[in-house]
């Protein structure tokens, strides 16, 4: 297995652990290790992405905009 693939797998696993932490589902004894993962460049990018996703899910403005986009994308009968 190549070094790039190993790093990629590690980054995916780290991102998954960061997601679990942000969902409040991480075991207490794992928190410090995952916070250390979040300090890497890839970890910070994952953290920022998950924060943005969470903001979008909690935003009524974005929720309503999403329904308008969905409605606009559905073809209307002629």
C-alpha atoms as a PDB file:
ATOM      1  CA  UNK A   1       0.000   0.000   0.000  1.00  0.00           C
ATOM      2  CA  UNK A   2       1.476   3.373  -1.002  1.00  0.00           C
ATOM      3  CA  UNK A   3       2.259   6.170   1.421  1.00  0.00           C
ATOM      4  CA  UNK A   4      -0.302   8.487  -0.210  1.00  0.00           C
ATOM      5  CA  UNK A   5      -3.039   5.866   0.187  1.00  0.00           C
ATOM      6  CA  UNK A   6      -2.132   5.300   3.845  1.00  0.00           C
ATOM      7  CA  UNK A   7      -2.288   9.042   4.482  1.00  0.00           C
ATOM      8  CA  UNK A   8      -5.621   9.281   2.668  1.00  0.00           C
ATOM      9  CA  UNK A   9      -7.102   6.450   4.739  1.00  0.00           C
ATOM     10  CA  UNK A  10      -5.806   8.097   7.924  1.00  0.00           C
ATOM     11  CA  UNK A  11      -7.381  11.440   6.922  1.00  0.00           C
ATOM     12  CA  UNK A  12     -10.744   9.774   6.236  1.00  0.00           C
ATOM     13  CA  UNK A  13     -10.648   7.981   9.588  1.00  0.00           C
ATOM     14  CA  UNK A  14      -9.678  11.233  11.328  1.00  0.00           C
ATOM     15  CA  UNK A  15     -12.541  13.094   9.619  1.00  0.00           C
ATOM     16  CA  UNK A  16     -14.970  10.386  10.730  1.00  0.00           C
ATOM     17  CA  UNK A  17     -13.752  10.680  14.325  1.00  0.00           C
ATOM     18  CA  UNK A  18     -14.102  14.477  14.189  1.00  0.00           C
ATOM     19  CA  UNK A  19     -17.671  14.041  12.955  1.00  0.00           C
ATOM     20  CA  UNK A  20     -18.436  11.645  15.808  1.00  0.00           C
ATOM     21  CA  UNK A  21     -16.965  14.167  18.273  1.00  0.00           C
ATOM     22  CA  UNK A  22     -19.087  16.987  16.868  1.00  0.00           C
ATOM     23  CA  UNK A  23     -22.190  14.800  17.083  1.00  0.00           C
ATOM     24  CA  UNK A  24     -21.471  14.294  20.790  1.00  0.00           C
ATOM     25  CA  UNK A  25     -21.114  10.547  20.339  1.00  0.00           C
ATOM     26  CA  UNK A  26     -17.400  10.133  21.042  1.00  0.00           C
ATOM     27  CA  UNK A  27     -16.354   8.221  24.143  1.00  0.00           C
ATOM     28  CA  UNK A  28     -14.962  10.620  26.765  1.00  0.00           C
ATOM     29  CA  UNK A  29     -11.581   8.865  26.854  1.00  0.00           C
ATOM     30  CA  UNK A  30     -11.138   9.475  23.077  1.00  0.00           C
ATOM     31  CA  UNK A  31     -11.838  13.225  23.055  1.00  0.00           C
ATOM     32  CA  UNK A  32      -8.253  14.462  23.571  1.00  0.00           C
ATOM     33  CA  UNK A  33      -6.875  12.206  20.830  1.00  0.00           C
ATOM     34  CA  UNK A  34      -9.491  13.407  18.347  1.00  0.00           C
ATOM     35  CA  UNK A  35      -8.897  17.042  19.291  1.00  0.00           C
ATOM     36  CA  UNK A  36      -5.229  16.430  18.444  1.00  0.00           C
ATOM     37  CA  UNK A  37      -6.312  15.063  15.041  1.00  0.00           C
ATOM     38  CA  UNK A  38      -8.380  18.203  14.500  1.00  0.00           C
ATOM     39  CA  UNK A  39      -5.233  20.342  14.810  1.00  0.00           C
ATOM     40  CA  UNK A  40      -3.802  19.043  11.518  1.00  0.00           C
ATOM     41  CA  UNK A  41      -4.485  20.874   8.265  1.00  0.00           C
ATOM     42  CA  UNK A  42      -6.874  18.138   7.101  1.00  0.00           C
ATOM     43  CA  UNK A  43      -8.481  18.011  10.541  1.00  0.00           C
ATOM     44  CA  UNK A  44      -9.106  21.757  10.549  1.00  0.00           C
ATOM     45  CA  UNK A  45     -10.648  21.506   7.077  1.00  0.00           C
ATOM     46  CA  UNK A  46     -12.930  18.696   8.268  1.00  0.00           C
ATOM     47  CA  UNK A  47     -13.871  20.683  11.371  1.00  0.00           C
ATOM     48  CA  UNK A  48     -14.749  23.745   9.272  1.00  0.00           C
ATOM     49  CA  UNK A  49     -16.775  21.654   6.813  1.00  0.00           C
ATOM     50  CA  UNK A  50     -18.752  19.969   9.578  1.00  0.00           C
ATOM     51  CA  UNK A  51     -19.427  23.340  11.226  1.00  0.00           C
ATOM     52  CA  UNK A  52     -20.730  24.690   7.911  1.00  0.00           C
ATOM     53  CA  UNK A  53     -22.921  21.623   7.396  1.00  0.00           C
ATOM     54  CA  UNK A  54     -24.298  21.966  10.931  1.00  0.00           C
ATOM     55  CA  UNK A  55     -25.004  25.660  10.400  1.00  0.00           C
ATOM     56  CA  UNK A  56     -26.840  24.882   7.166  1.00  0.00           C
ATOM     57  CA  UNK A  57     -28.913  22.155   8.826  1.00  0.00           C
ATOM     58  CA  UNK A  58     -29.898  24.496  11.673  1.00  0.00           C
ATOM     59  CA  UNK A  59     -30.582  27.545   9.490  1.00  0.00           C
ATOM     60  CA  UNK A  60     -34.233  28.219   8.697  1.00  0.00           C
ATOM     61  CA  UNK A  61     -33.171  30.623   5.964  1.00  0.00           C
ATOM     62  CA  UNK A  62     -31.098  27.950   4.244  1.00  0.00           C
ATOM     63  CA  UNK A  63     -33.768  25.325   4.840  1.00  0.00           C
ATOM     64  CA  UNK A  64     -36.341  27.439   3.029  1.00  0.00           C
ATOM     65  CA  UNK A  65     -33.893  28.310   0.252  1.00  0.00           C
ATOM     66  CA  UNK A  66     -33.232  24.607  -0.232  1.00  0.00           C
ATOM     67  CA  UNK A  67     -36.917  23.847  -0.690  1.00  0.00           C
ATOM     68  CA  UNK A  68     -37.172  26.620  -3.286  1.00  0.00           C
ATOM     69  CA  UNK A  69     -34.197  25.211  -5.142  1.00  0.00           C
ATOM     70  CA  UNK A  70     -35.738  21.744  -5.069  1.00  0.00           C
ATOM     71  CA  UNK A  71     -39.041  23.082  -6.365  1.00  0.00           C
ATOM     72  CA  UNK A  72     -37.266  24.977  -9.131  1.00  0.00           C
ATOM     73  CA  UNK A  73     -35.406  21.846 -10.185  1.00  0.00           C
ATOM     74  CA  UNK A  74     -38.529  19.694 -10.557  1.00  0.00           C
ATOM     75  CA  UNK A  75     -40.026  19.912 -14.060  1.00  0.00           C
ATOM     76  CA  UNK A  76     -43.561  21.257 -14.173  1.00  0.00           C
ATOM     77  CA  UNK A  77     -46.237  19.392 -16.107  1.00  0.00           C
ATOM     78  CA  UNK A  78     -47.205  21.021 -19.394  1.00  0.00           C
END
